[in-house]
Amino acid sequence: MSEITCAFCGGKGKDPFNLLSKLAACQVCGGTGKIKIDEPRIKCAFCKGAGVHPHSRMTCSACNGISAVTCGDDKEQCPDCDGAGHKAGKNMPCSVCGGIGVIHPVRKEK
């Protein structure tokens, strides 16, 4: 497990958009400015590591505002979105990979 700076608030611990108030704590890190995440991790493809849903002020729906997702070593680029996390011209995460850009291939038992 490692600790990373909260991408949604930029490590400040405050709501970056002042939606509730100027004093409201960040809803992703709870006001600490840091997030604990299991390793190995990859940058979220849907928000490109920003933690913010593209074209809005909401947390990214693929990584929940963390900017990264835990992903095992056994992964492949998503064939549906080509690793982008969304289809061209769409504002929703890819339905196959959930917006992270990779999938875990199914291995057949021998």
PDB file of N, CA and C in Angstrom:
ATOM      1  N   MET A   1       0.854  -1.172   0.000  1.00  0.00           N
ATOM      2  CA  MET A   1       0.000   0.000   0.000  1.00  0.00           C
ATOM      3  C   MET A   1       0.894   1.227   0.000  1.00  0.00           C
ATOM      4  N   SER A   2       0.484   2.205  -0.785  1.00  0.00           N
ATOM      5  CA  SER A   2       1.239   3.448  -0.818  1.00  0.00           C
ATOM      6  C   SER A   2       0.287   4.624  -0.613  1.00  0.00           C
ATOM      7  N   GLU A   3       0.861   5.761  -0.332  1.00  0.00           N
ATOM      8  CA  GLU A   3       0.073   6.962  -0.108  1.00  0.00           C
ATOM      9  C   GLU A   3       0.377   7.950  -1.225  1.00  0.00           C
ATOM     10  N   ILE A   4      -0.680   8.467  -1.847  1.00  0.00           N
ATOM     11  CA  ILE A   4      -0.512   9.424  -2.925  1.00  0.00           C
ATOM     12  C   ILE A   4      -1.260  10.712  -2.594  1.00  0.00           C
ATOM     13  N   THR A   5      -0.883  11.782  -3.245  1.00  0.00           N
ATOM     14  CA  THR A   5      -1.576  13.061  -3.074  1.00  0.00           C
ATOM     15  C   THR A   5      -2.939  12.973  -3.743  1.00  0.00           C
ATOM     16  N   CYS A   6      -3.940  13.465  -3.091  1.00  0.00           N
ATOM     17  CA  CYS A   6      -5.296  13.467  -3.639  1.00  0.00           C
ATOM     18  C   CYS A   6      -5.320  14.322  -4.903  1.00  0.00           C
ATOM     19  N   ALA A   7      -5.698  13.705  -6.013  1.00  0.00           N
ATOM     20  CA  ALA A   7      -5.743  14.431  -7.280  1.00  0.00           C
ATOM     21  C   ALA A   7      -6.940  15.370  -7.348  1.00  0.00           C
ATOM     22  N   PHE A   8      -8.037  14.993  -6.725  1.00  0.00           N
ATOM     23  CA  PHE A   8      -9.256  15.798  -6.821  1.00  0.00           C
ATOM     24  C   PHE A   8      -9.062  17.185  -6.205  1.00  0.00           C
ATOM     25  N   CYS A   9      -8.445  17.246  -5.028  1.00  0.00           N
ATOM     26  CA  CYS A   9      -8.246  18.547  -4.368  1.00  0.00           C
ATOM     27  C   CYS A   9      -6.816  19.056  -4.506  1.00  0.00           C
ATOM     28  N   GLY A  10      -5.958  18.294  -5.164  1.00  0.00           N
ATOM     29  CA  GLY A  10      -4.568  18.711  -5.325  1.00  0.00           C
ATOM     30  C   GLY A  10      -3.783  18.679  -4.028  1.00  0.00           C
ATOM     31  N   GLY A  11      -4.257  17.884  -3.058  1.00  0.00           N
ATOM     32  CA  GLY A  11      -3.561  17.759  -1.779  1.00  0.00           C
ATOM     33  C   GLY A  11      -3.912  18.841  -0.775  1.00  0.00           C
ATOM     34  N   LYS A  12      -4.853  19.712  -1.108  1.00  0.00           N
ATOM     35  CA  LYS A  12      -5.222  20.806  -0.202  1.00  0.00           C
ATOM     36  C   LYS A  12      -6.227  20.388   0.862  1.00  0.00           C
ATOM     37  N   GLY A  13      -6.971  19.298   0.615  1.00  0.00           N
ATOM     38  CA  GLY A  13      -7.937  18.816   1.594  1.00  0.00           C
ATOM     39  C   GLY A  13      -9.266  19.549   1.587  1.00  0.00           C
ATOM     40  N   LYS A  14      -9.448  20.482   0.695  1.00  0.00           N
ATOM     41  CA  LYS A  14     -10.690  21.260   0.595  1.00  0.00           C
ATOM     42  C   LYS A  14     -11.396  20.955  -0.718  1.00  0.00           C
ATOM     43  N   ASP A  15     -12.713  21.109  -0.733  1.00  0.00           N
ATOM     44  CA  ASP A  15     -13.489  20.931  -1.955  1.00  0.00           C
ATOM     45  C   ASP A  15     -12.985  21.935  -2.994  1.00  0.00           C
ATOM     46  N   PRO A  16     -12.400  21.461  -4.109  1.00  0.00           N
ATOM     47  CA  PRO A  16     -11.794  22.385  -5.059  1.00  0.00           C
ATOM     48  C   PRO A  16     -12.796  23.279  -5.795  1.00  0.00           C
ATOM     49  N   PHE A  17     -14.063  22.917  -5.780  1.00  0.00           N
ATOM     50  CA  PHE A  17     -15.061  23.690  -6.499  1.00  0.00           C
ATOM     51  C   PHE A  17     -15.964  24.502  -5.572  1.00  0.00           C
ATOM     52  N   ASN A  18     -15.719  24.430  -4.258  1.00  0.00           N
ATOM     53  CA  ASN A  18     -16.521  25.152  -3.269  1.00  0.00           C
ATOM     54  C   ASN A  18     -18.018  24.926  -3.450  1.00  0.00           C
ATOM     55  N   LEU A  19     -18.387  23.680  -3.767  1.00  0.00           N
ATOM     56  CA  LEU A  19     -19.794  23.383  -4.015  1.00  0.00           C
ATOM     57  C   LEU A  19     -20.637  23.504  -2.756  1.00  0.00           C
ATOM     58  N   LEU A  20     -20.131  23.015  -1.642  1.00  0.00           N
ATOM     59  CA  LEU A  20     -20.885  23.112  -0.396  1.00  0.00           C
ATOM     60  C   LEU A  20     -20.557  24.413   0.342  1.00  0.00           C
ATOM     61  N   SER A  21     -19.277  24.690   0.480  1.00  0.00           N
ATOM     62  CA  SER A  21     -18.806  25.950   1.061  1.00  0.00           C
ATOM     63  C   SER A  21     -17.299  26.035   0.871  1.00  0.00           C
ATOM     64  N   LYS A  22     -16.734  27.188   1.139  1.00  0.00           N
ATOM     65  CA  LYS A  22     -15.280  27.352   1.021  1.00  0.00           C
ATOM     66  C   LYS A  22     -14.540  26.517   2.055  1.00  0.00           C
ATOM     67  N   LEU A  23     -15.226  26.145   3.127  1.00  0.00           N
ATOM     68  CA  LEU A  23     -14.595  25.397   4.212  1.00  0.00           C
ATOM     69  C   LEU A  23     -14.806  23.894   4.124  1.00  0.00           C
ATOM     70  N   ALA A  24     -15.591  23.421   3.160  1.00  0.00           N
ATOM     71  CA  ALA A  24     -15.918  21.994   3.055  1.00  0.00           C
ATOM     72  C   ALA A  24     -14.671  21.166   2.756  1.00  0.00           C
ATOM     73  N   ALA A  25     -14.588  20.018   3.419  1.00  0.00           N
ATOM     74  CA  ALA A  25     -13.475  19.103   3.187  1.00  0.00           C
ATOM     75  C   ALA A  25     -13.659  18.393   1.852  1.00  0.00           C
ATOM     76  N   CYS A  26     -12.572  17.987   1.270  1.00  0.00           N
ATOM     77  CA  CYS A  26     -12.595  17.236   0.014  1.00  0.00           C
ATOM     78  C   CYS A  26     -13.343  15.928   0.246  1.00  0.00           C
ATOM     79  N   GLN A  27     -14.274  15.605  -0.645  1.00  0.00           N
ATOM     80  CA  GLN A  27     -15.048  14.385  -0.481  1.00  0.00           C
ATOM     81  C   GLN A  27     -14.276  13.120  -0.846  1.00  0.00           C
ATOM     82  N   VAL A  28     -13.117  13.259  -1.478  1.00  0.00           N
ATOM     83  CA  VAL A  28     -12.326  12.088  -1.845  1.00  0.00           C
ATOM     84  C   VAL A  28     -11.363  11.690  -0.729  1.00  0.00           C
ATOM     85  N   CYS A  29     -10.603  12.642  -0.223  1.00  0.00           N
ATOM     86  CA  CYS A  29      -9.594  12.327   0.803  1.00  0.00           C
ATOM     87  C   CYS A  29     -10.072  12.622   2.219  1.00  0.00           C
ATOM     88  N   GLY A  30     -11.259  13.195   2.347  1.00  0.00           N
ATOM     89  CA  GLY A  30     -11.783  13.508   3.668  1.00  0.00           C
ATOM     90  C   GLY A  30     -11.065  14.654   4.354  1.00  0.00           C
ATOM     91  N   GLY A  31     -10.336  15.450   3.582  1.00  0.00           N
ATOM     92  CA  GLY A  31      -9.656  16.611   4.143  1.00  0.00           C
ATOM     93  C   GLY A  31      -8.197  16.384   4.486  1.00  0.00           C
ATOM     94  N   THR A  32      -7.693  15.173   4.277  1.00  0.00           N
ATOM     95  CA  THR A  32      -6.298  14.886   4.617  1.00  0.00           C
ATOM     96  C   THR A  32      -5.314  15.278   3.519  1.00  0.00           C
ATOM     97  N   GLY A  33      -5.788  15.340   2.274  1.00  0.00           N
ATOM     98  CA  GLY A  33      -4.908  15.641   1.151  1.00  0.00           C
ATOM     99  C   GLY A  33      -4.153  14.435   0.636  1.00  0.00           C
ATOM    100  N   LYS A  34      -4.306  13.294   1.281  1.00  0.00           N
ATOM    101  CA  LYS A  34      -3.606  12.063   0.900  1.00  0.00           C
ATOM    102  C   LYS A  34      -4.607  10.912   0.767  1.00  0.00           C
ATOM    103  N   ILE A  35      -4.250   9.931  -0.054  1.00  0.00           N
ATOM    104  CA  ILE A  35      -5.083   8.748  -0.262  1.00  0.00           C
ATOM    105  C   ILE A  35      -4.185   7.523  -0.202  1.00  0.00           C
ATOM    106  N   LYS A  36      -4.655   6.488   0.455  1.00  0.00           N
ATOM    107  CA  LYS A  36      -3.923   5.214   0.475  1.00  0.00           C
ATOM    108  C   LYS A  36      -4.506   4.308  -0.609  1.00  0.00           C
ATOM    109  N   ILE A  37      -3.616   3.706  -1.381  1.00  0.00           N
ATOM    110  CA  ILE A  37      -4.040   2.839  -2.471  1.00  0.00           C
ATOM    111  C   ILE A  37      -3.113   1.632  -2.542  1.00  0.00           C
ATOM    112  N   ASP A  38      -3.698   0.484  -2.836  1.00  0.00           N
ATOM    113  CA  ASP A  38      -2.917  -0.745  -2.975  1.00  0.00           C
ATOM    114  C   ASP A  38      -2.092  -0.704  -4.259  1.00  0.00           C
ATOM    115  N   GLU A  39      -0.977  -1.370  -4.228  1.00  0.00           N
ATOM    116  CA  GLU A  39      -0.113  -1.518  -5.394  1.00  0.00           C
ATOM    117  C   GLU A  39      -0.367  -2.893  -6.007  1.00  0.00           C
ATOM    118  N   PRO A  40      -0.076  -3.114  -7.250  1.00  0.00           N
ATOM    119  CA  PRO A  40       0.336  -2.143  -8.252  1.00  0.00           C
ATOM    120  C   PRO A  40      -0.852  -1.292  -8.693  1.00  0.00           C
ATOM    121  N   ARG A  41      -0.553  -0.105  -9.119  1.00  0.00           N
ATOM    122  CA  ARG A  41      -1.615   0.813  -9.541  1.00  0.00           C
ATOM    123  C   ARG A  41      -1.267   1.409 -10.890  1.00  0.00           C
ATOM    124  N   ILE A  42      -2.310   1.846 -11.594  1.00  0.00           N
ATOM    125  CA  ILE A  42      -2.116   2.517 -12.875  1.00  0.00           C
ATOM    126  C   ILE A  42      -2.923   3.808 -12.872  1.00  0.00           C
ATOM    127  N   LYS A  43      -2.504   4.762 -13.669  1.00  0.00           N
ATOM    128  CA  LYS A  43      -3.221   6.027 -13.790  1.00  0.00           C
ATOM    129  C   LYS A  43      -4.565   5.773 -14.466  1.00  0.00           C
ATOM    130  N   CYS A  44      -5.592   6.409 -13.988  1.00  0.00           N
ATOM    131  CA  CYS A  44      -6.929   6.279 -14.555  1.00  0.00           C
ATOM    132  C   CYS A  44      -6.934   6.806 -15.983  1.00  0.00           C
ATOM    133  N   ALA A  45      -7.386   5.983 -16.917  1.00  0.00           N
ATOM    134  CA  ALA A  45      -7.426   6.392 -18.326  1.00  0.00           C
ATOM    135  C   ALA A  45      -8.555   7.374 -18.602  1.00  0.00           C
ATOM    136  N   PHE A  46      -9.676   7.224 -17.915  1.00  0.00           N
ATOM    137  CA  PHE A  46     -10.851   8.051 -18.205  1.00  0.00           C
ATOM    138  C   PHE A  46     -10.603   9.523 -17.869  1.00  0.00           C
ATOM    139  N   CYS A  47     -10.063   9.808 -16.689  1.00  0.00           N
ATOM    140  CA  CYS A  47      -9.816  11.205 -16.298  1.00  0.00           C
ATOM    141  C   CYS A  47      -8.370  11.621 -16.531  1.00  0.00           C
ATOM    142  N   LYS A  48      -7.557  10.702 -17.042  1.00  0.00           N
ATOM    143  CA  LYS A  48      -6.129  10.936 -17.284  1.00  0.00           C
ATOM    144  C   LYS A  48      -5.376  11.333 -16.015  1.00  0.00           C
ATOM    145  N   GLY A  49      -5.842  10.787 -14.875  1.00  0.00           N
ATOM    146  CA  GLY A  49      -5.169  11.027 -13.612  1.00  0.00           C
ATOM    147  C   GLY A  49      -5.561  12.313 -12.911  1.00  0.00           C
ATOM    148  N   ALA A  50      -6.561  13.026 -13.426  1.00  0.00           N
ATOM    149  CA  ALA A  50      -6.969  14.297 -12.819  1.00  0.00           C
ATOM    150  C   ALA A  50      -7.892  14.100 -11.620  1.00  0.00           C
ATOM    151  N   GLY A  51      -8.595  12.973 -11.569  1.00  0.00           N
ATOM    152  CA  GLY A  51      -9.531  12.722 -10.479  1.00  0.00           C
ATOM    153  C   GLY A  51     -10.887  13.369 -10.678  1.00  0.00           C
ATOM    154  N   VAL A  52     -11.002  14.193 -11.711  1.00  0.00           N
ATOM    155  CA  VAL A  52     -12.238  14.920 -12.006  1.00  0.00           C
ATOM    156  C   VAL A  52     -12.857  14.354 -13.277  1.00  0.00           C
ATOM    157  N   HIS A  53     -14.176  14.120 -13.229  1.00  0.00           N
ATOM    158  CA  HIS A  53     -14.892  13.630 -14.403  1.00  0.00           C
ATOM    159  C   HIS A  53     -14.720  14.649 -15.529  1.00  0.00           C
ATOM    160  N   PRO A  54     -14.298  14.200 -16.722  1.00  0.00           N
ATOM    161  CA  PRO A  54     -14.131  15.139 -17.831  1.00  0.00           C
ATOM    162  C   PRO A  54     -15.418  15.934 -18.099  1.00  0.00           C
ATOM    163  N   HIS A  55     -15.297  17.193 -18.327  1.00  0.00           N
ATOM    164  CA  HIS A  55     -16.400  18.102 -18.665  1.00  0.00           C
ATOM    165  C   HIS A  55     -17.364  18.340 -17.506  1.00  0.00           C
ATOM    166  N   SER A  56     -16.933  18.141 -16.266  1.00  0.00           N
ATOM    167  CA  SER A  56     -17.804  18.424 -15.123  1.00  0.00           C
ATOM    168  C   SER A  56     -16.956  18.746 -13.899  1.00  0.00           C
ATOM    169  N   ARG A  57     -17.637  18.997 -12.782  1.00  0.00           N
ATOM    170  CA  ARG A  57     -16.947  19.262 -11.522  1.00  0.00           C
ATOM    171  C   ARG A  57     -17.151  18.116 -10.539  1.00  0.00           C
ATOM    172  N   MET A  58     -17.541  16.948 -11.032  1.00  0.00           N
ATOM    173  CA  MET A  58     -17.764  15.779 -10.186  1.00  0.00           C
ATOM    174  C   MET A  58     -16.490  14.938 -10.127  1.00  0.00           C
ATOM    175  N   THR A  59     -16.440  14.058  -9.132  1.00  0.00           N
ATOM    176  CA  THR A  59     -15.318  13.125  -9.083  1.00  0.00           C
ATOM    177  C   THR A  59     -15.412  12.181 -10.266  1.00  0.00           C
ATOM    178  N   CYS A  60     -14.284  11.701 -10.728  1.00  0.00           N
ATOM    179  CA  CYS A  60     -14.242  10.760 -11.842  1.00  0.00           C
ATOM    180  C   CYS A  60     -15.015   9.501 -11.459  1.00  0.00           C
ATOM    181  N   SER A  61     -15.882   9.058 -12.336  1.00  0.00           N
ATOM    182  CA  SER A  61     -16.695   7.883 -12.031  1.00  0.00           C
ATOM    183  C   SER A  61     -15.931   6.580 -12.223  1.00  0.00           C
ATOM    184  N   ALA A  62     -14.768   6.617 -12.839  1.00  0.00           N
ATOM    185  CA  ALA A  62     -13.973   5.403 -13.019  1.00  0.00           C
ATOM    186  C   ALA A  62     -13.051   5.144 -11.825  1.00  0.00           C
ATOM    187  N   CYS A  63     -12.390   6.196 -11.307  1.00  0.00           N
ATOM    188  CA  CYS A  63     -11.438   6.024 -10.201  1.00  0.00           C
ATOM    189  C   CYS A  63     -11.947   6.623  -8.891  1.00  0.00           C
ATOM    190  N   ASN A  64     -13.149   7.175  -8.897  1.00  0.00           N
ATOM    191  CA  ASN A  64     -13.748   7.820  -7.718  1.00  0.00           C
ATOM    192  C   ASN A  64     -12.932   9.010  -7.219  1.00  0.00           C
ATOM    193  N   GLY A  65     -12.242   9.672  -8.124  1.00  0.00           N
ATOM    194  CA  GLY A  65     -11.498  10.877  -7.773  1.00  0.00           C
ATOM    195  C   GLY A  65     -10.077  10.636  -7.284  1.00  0.00           C
ATOM    196  N   ILE A  66      -9.671   9.392  -7.224  1.00  0.00           N
ATOM    197  CA  ILE A  66      -8.346   9.063  -6.681  1.00  0.00           C
ATOM    198  C   ILE A  66      -7.229   9.327  -7.692  1.00  0.00           C
ATOM    199  N   SER A  67      -7.506   9.244  -8.968  1.00  0.00           N
ATOM    200  CA  SER A  67      -6.569   9.432 -10.078  1.00  0.00           C
ATOM    201  C   SER A  67      -5.897   8.143 -10.520  1.00  0.00           C
ATOM    202  N   ALA A  68      -6.010   7.101  -9.744  1.00  0.00           N
ATOM    203  CA  ALA A  68      -5.378   5.827 -10.079  1.00  0.00           C
ATOM    204  C   ALA A  68      -6.272   4.684  -9.601  1.00  0.00           C
ATOM    205  N   VAL A  69      -6.031   3.518 -10.173  1.00  0.00           N
ATOM    206  CA  VAL A  69      -6.767   2.327  -9.767  1.00  0.00           C
ATOM    207  C   VAL A  69      -5.785   1.190  -9.540  1.00  0.00           C
ATOM    208  N   THR A  70      -6.097   0.347  -8.582  1.00  0.00           N
ATOM    209  CA  THR A  70      -5.274  -0.829  -8.333  1.00  0.00           C
ATOM    210  C   THR A  70      -5.523  -1.822  -9.451  1.00  0.00           C
ATOM    211  N   CYS A  71      -4.468  -2.330 -10.021  1.00  0.00           N
ATOM    212  CA  CYS A  71      -4.597  -3.231 -11.156  1.00  0.00           C
ATOM    213  C   CYS A  71      -3.452  -4.230 -11.113  1.00  0.00           C
ATOM    214  N   GLY A  72      -3.780  -5.491 -11.167  1.00  0.00           N
ATOM    215  CA  GLY A  72      -2.756  -6.537 -11.122  1.00  0.00           C
ATOM    216  C   GLY A  72      -1.847  -6.507 -12.342  1.00  0.00           C
ATOM    217  N   ASP A  73      -0.814  -7.319 -12.303  1.00  0.00           N
ATOM    218  CA  ASP A  73       0.148  -7.368 -13.394  1.00  0.00           C
ATOM    219  C   ASP A  73      -0.431  -8.023 -14.644  1.00  0.00           C
ATOM    220  N   ASP A  74      -1.423  -8.894 -14.472  1.00  0.00           N
ATOM    221  CA  ASP A  74      -2.014  -9.626 -15.580  1.00  0.00           C
ATOM    222  C   ASP A  74      -3.115  -8.776 -16.213  1.00  0.00           C
ATOM    223  N   LYS A  75      -2.739  -7.908 -17.156  1.00  0.00           N
ATOM    224  CA  LYS A  75      -3.714  -7.009 -17.765  1.00  0.00           C
ATOM    225  C   LYS A  75      -3.388  -6.802 -19.236  1.00  0.00           C
ATOM    226  N   GLU A  76      -4.420  -6.420 -19.980  1.00  0.00           N
ATOM    227  CA  GLU A  76      -4.277  -6.114 -21.399  1.00  0.00           C
ATOM    228  C   GLU A  76      -5.040  -4.838 -21.702  1.00  0.00           C
ATOM    229  N   GLN A  77      -4.616  -4.142 -22.737  1.00  0.00           N
ATOM    230  CA  GLN A  77      -5.335  -2.939 -23.161  1.00  0.00           C
ATOM    231  C   GLN A  77      -6.759  -3.322 -23.549  1.00  0.00           C
ATOM    232  N   CYS A  78      -7.715  -2.512 -23.166  1.00  0.00           N
ATOM    233  CA  CYS A  78      -9.117  -2.779 -23.464  1.00  0.00           C
ATOM    234  C   CYS A  78      -9.337  -2.757 -24.984  1.00  0.00           C
ATOM    235  N   PRO A  79      -9.901  -3.830 -25.526  1.00  0.00           N
ATOM    236  CA  PRO A  79     -10.126  -3.874 -26.971  1.00  0.00           C
ATOM    237  C   PRO A  79     -11.294  -2.991 -27.424  1.00  0.00           C
ATOM    238  N   ASP A  80     -12.168  -2.621 -26.519  1.00  0.00           N
ATOM    239  CA  ASP A  80     -13.347  -1.842 -26.898  1.00  0.00           C
ATOM    240  C   ASP A  80     -13.041  -0.351 -27.033  1.00  0.00           C
ATOM    241  N   CYS A  81     -12.212   0.188 -26.131  1.00  0.00           N
ATOM    242  CA  CYS A  81     -11.898   1.628 -26.174  1.00  0.00           C
ATOM    243  C   CYS A  81     -10.440   1.896 -26.539  1.00  0.00           C
ATOM    244  N   ASP A  82      -9.691   0.847 -26.831  1.00  0.00           N
ATOM    245  CA  ASP A  82      -8.259   0.960 -27.159  1.00  0.00           C
ATOM    246  C   ASP A  82      -7.446   1.633 -26.064  1.00  0.00           C
ATOM    247  N   GLY A  83      -7.844   1.423 -24.803  1.00  0.00           N
ATOM    248  CA  GLY A  83      -7.098   1.936 -23.664  1.00  0.00           C
ATOM    249  C   GLY A  83      -7.408   3.371 -23.289  1.00  0.00           C
ATOM    250  N   ALA A  84      -8.349   4.013 -23.989  1.00  0.00           N
ATOM    251  CA  ALA A  84      -8.669   5.421 -23.714  1.00  0.00           C
ATOM    252  C   ALA A  84      -9.563   5.588 -22.497  1.00  0.00           C
ATOM    253  N   GLY A  85     -10.290   4.557 -22.108  1.00  0.00           N
ATOM    254  CA  GLY A  85     -11.191   4.648 -20.964  1.00  0.00           C
ATOM    255  C   GLY A  85     -12.591   5.088 -21.346  1.00  0.00           C
ATOM    256  N   HIS A  86     -12.759   5.523 -22.601  1.00  0.00           N
ATOM    257  CA  HIS A  86     -14.068   5.933 -23.114  1.00  0.00           C
ATOM    258  C   HIS A  86     -14.033   5.824 -24.636  1.00  0.00           C
ATOM    259  N   LYS A  87     -15.189   5.757 -25.232  1.00  0.00           N
ATOM    260  CA  LYS A  87     -15.248   5.730 -26.690  1.00  0.00           C
ATOM    261  C   LYS A  87     -15.213   7.157 -27.206  1.00  0.00           C
ATOM    262  N   ALA A  88     -14.692   7.331 -28.409  1.00  0.00           N
ATOM    263  CA  ALA A  88     -14.557   8.662 -28.998  1.00  0.00           C
ATOM    264  C   ALA A  88     -15.899   9.393 -28.990  1.00  0.00           C
ATOM    265  N   GLY A  89     -15.882  10.625 -28.501  1.00  0.00           N
ATOM    266  CA  GLY A  89     -17.078  11.448 -28.476  1.00  0.00           C
ATOM    267  C   GLY A  89     -18.041  11.142 -27.345  1.00  0.00           C
ATOM    268  N   LYS A  90     -17.675  10.246 -26.448  1.00  0.00           N
ATOM    269  CA  LYS A  90     -18.559   9.871 -25.340  1.00  0.00           C
ATOM    270  C   LYS A  90     -18.016  10.434 -24.034  1.00  0.00           C
ATOM    271  N   ASN A  91     -18.905  10.831 -23.136  1.00  0.00           N
ATOM    272  CA  ASN A  91     -18.512  11.365 -21.834  1.00  0.00           C
ATOM    273  C   ASN A  91     -18.710  10.367 -20.710  1.00  0.00           C
ATOM    274  N   MET A  92     -18.898   9.113 -21.057  1.00  0.00           N
ATOM    275  CA  MET A  92     -19.092   8.068 -20.056  1.00  0.00           C
ATOM    276  C   MET A  92     -17.936   7.078 -20.136  1.00  0.00           C
ATOM    277  N   PRO A  93     -17.579   6.453 -19.010  1.00  0.00           N
ATOM    278  CA  PRO A  93     -16.515   5.448 -19.042  1.00  0.00           C
ATOM    279  C   PRO A  93     -16.888   4.267 -19.932  1.00  0.00           C
ATOM    280  N   CYS A  94     -15.901   3.643 -20.507  1.00  0.00           N
ATOM    281  CA  CYS A  94     -16.101   2.447 -21.334  1.00  0.00           C
ATOM    282  C   CYS A  94     -16.817   1.382 -20.508  1.00  0.00           C
ATOM    283  N   SER A  95     -17.815   0.747 -21.086  1.00  0.00           N
ATOM    284  CA  SER A  95     -18.582  -0.266 -20.349  1.00  0.00           C
ATOM    285  C   SER A  95     -17.826  -1.584 -20.216  1.00  0.00           C
ATOM    286  N   VAL A  96     -16.810  -1.803 -21.024  1.00  0.00           N
ATOM    287  CA  VAL A  96     -16.050  -3.054 -20.951  1.00  0.00           C
ATOM    288  C   VAL A  96     -14.993  -2.994 -19.842  1.00  0.00           C
ATOM    289  N   CYS A  97     -14.213  -1.922 -19.796  1.00  0.00           N
ATOM    290  CA  CYS A  97     -13.124  -1.832 -18.815  1.00  0.00           C
ATOM    291  C   CYS A  97     -13.479  -0.959 -17.610  1.00  0.00           C
ATOM    292  N   GLY A  98     -14.638  -0.333 -17.628  1.00  0.00           N
ATOM    293  CA  GLY A  98     -15.034   0.536 -16.525  1.00  0.00           C
ATOM    294  C   GLY A  98     -14.316   1.866 -16.509  1.00  0.00           C
ATOM    295  N   GLY A  99     -13.640   2.188 -17.609  1.00  0.00           N
ATOM    296  CA  GLY A  99     -12.952   3.473 -17.714  1.00  0.00           C
ATOM    297  C   GLY A  99     -11.478   3.438 -17.366  1.00  0.00           C
ATOM    298  N   ILE A 100     -10.968   2.286 -16.940  1.00  0.00           N
ATOM    299  CA  ILE A 100      -9.551   2.258 -16.538  1.00  0.00           C
ATOM    300  C   ILE A 100      -8.607   1.987 -17.708  1.00  0.00           C
ATOM    301  N   GLY A 101      -9.151   1.546 -18.844  1.00  0.00           N
ATOM    302  CA  GLY A 101      -8.328   1.353 -20.035  1.00  0.00           C
ATOM    303  C   GLY A 101      -7.714  -0.016 -20.189  1.00  0.00           C
ATOM    304  N   VAL A 102      -7.809  -0.849 -19.179  1.00  0.00           N
ATOM    305  CA  VAL A 102      -7.256  -2.205 -19.261  1.00  0.00           C
ATOM    306  C   VAL A 102      -8.286  -3.218 -18.776  1.00  0.00           C
ATOM    307  N   ILE A 103      -8.102  -4.448 -19.217  1.00  0.00           N
ATOM    308  CA  ILE A 103      -8.940  -5.546 -18.764  1.00  0.00           C
ATOM    309  C   ILE A 103      -8.047  -6.667 -18.275  1.00  0.00           C
ATOM    310  N   HIS A 104      -8.621  -7.553 -17.493  1.00  0.00           N
ATOM    311  CA  HIS A 104      -7.902  -8.746 -17.060  1.00  0.00           C
ATOM    312  C   HIS A 104      -8.377  -9.897 -17.920  1.00  0.00           C
ATOM    313  N   PRO A 105      -7.488 -10.441 -18.760  1.00  0.00           N
ATOM    314  CA  PRO A 105      -7.926 -11.510 -19.647  1.00  0.00           C
ATOM    315  C   PRO A 105      -8.314 -12.763 -18.881  1.00  0.00           C
ATOM    316  N   VAL A 106      -9.261 -13.473 -19.425  1.00  0.00           N
ATOM    317  CA  VAL A 106      -9.700 -14.736 -18.818  1.00  0.00           C
ATOM    318  C   VAL A 106      -8.748 -15.820 -19.293  1.00  0.00           C
ATOM    319  N   ARG A 107      -8.159 -16.510 -18.358  1.00  0.00           N
ATOM    320  CA  ARG A 107      -7.227 -17.599 -18.683  1.00  0.00           C
ATOM    321  C   ARG A 107      -7.961 -18.926 -18.603  1.00  0.00           C
ATOM    322  N   LYS A 108      -7.723 -19.750 -19.596  1.00  0.00           N
ATOM    323  CA  LYS A 108      -8.378 -21.067 -19.610  1.00  0.00           C
ATOM    324  C   LYS A 108      -7.543 -22.047 -18.794  1.00  0.00           C
ATOM    325  N   GLU A 109      -8.247 -22.863 -18.014  1.00  0.00           N
ATOM    326  CA  GLU A 109      -7.598 -23.909 -17.221  1.00  0.00           C
ATOM    327  C   GLU A 109      -7.131 -25.014 -18.162  1.00  0.00           C
ATOM    328  N   LYS A 110      -5.984 -25.580 -17.884  1.00  0.00           N
ATOM    329  CA  LYS A 110      -5.466 -26.684 -18.706  1.00  0.00           C
ATOM    330  C   LYS A 110      -5.900 -28.004 -18.142  1.00  0.00           C
TER     331      LYS A 110
END
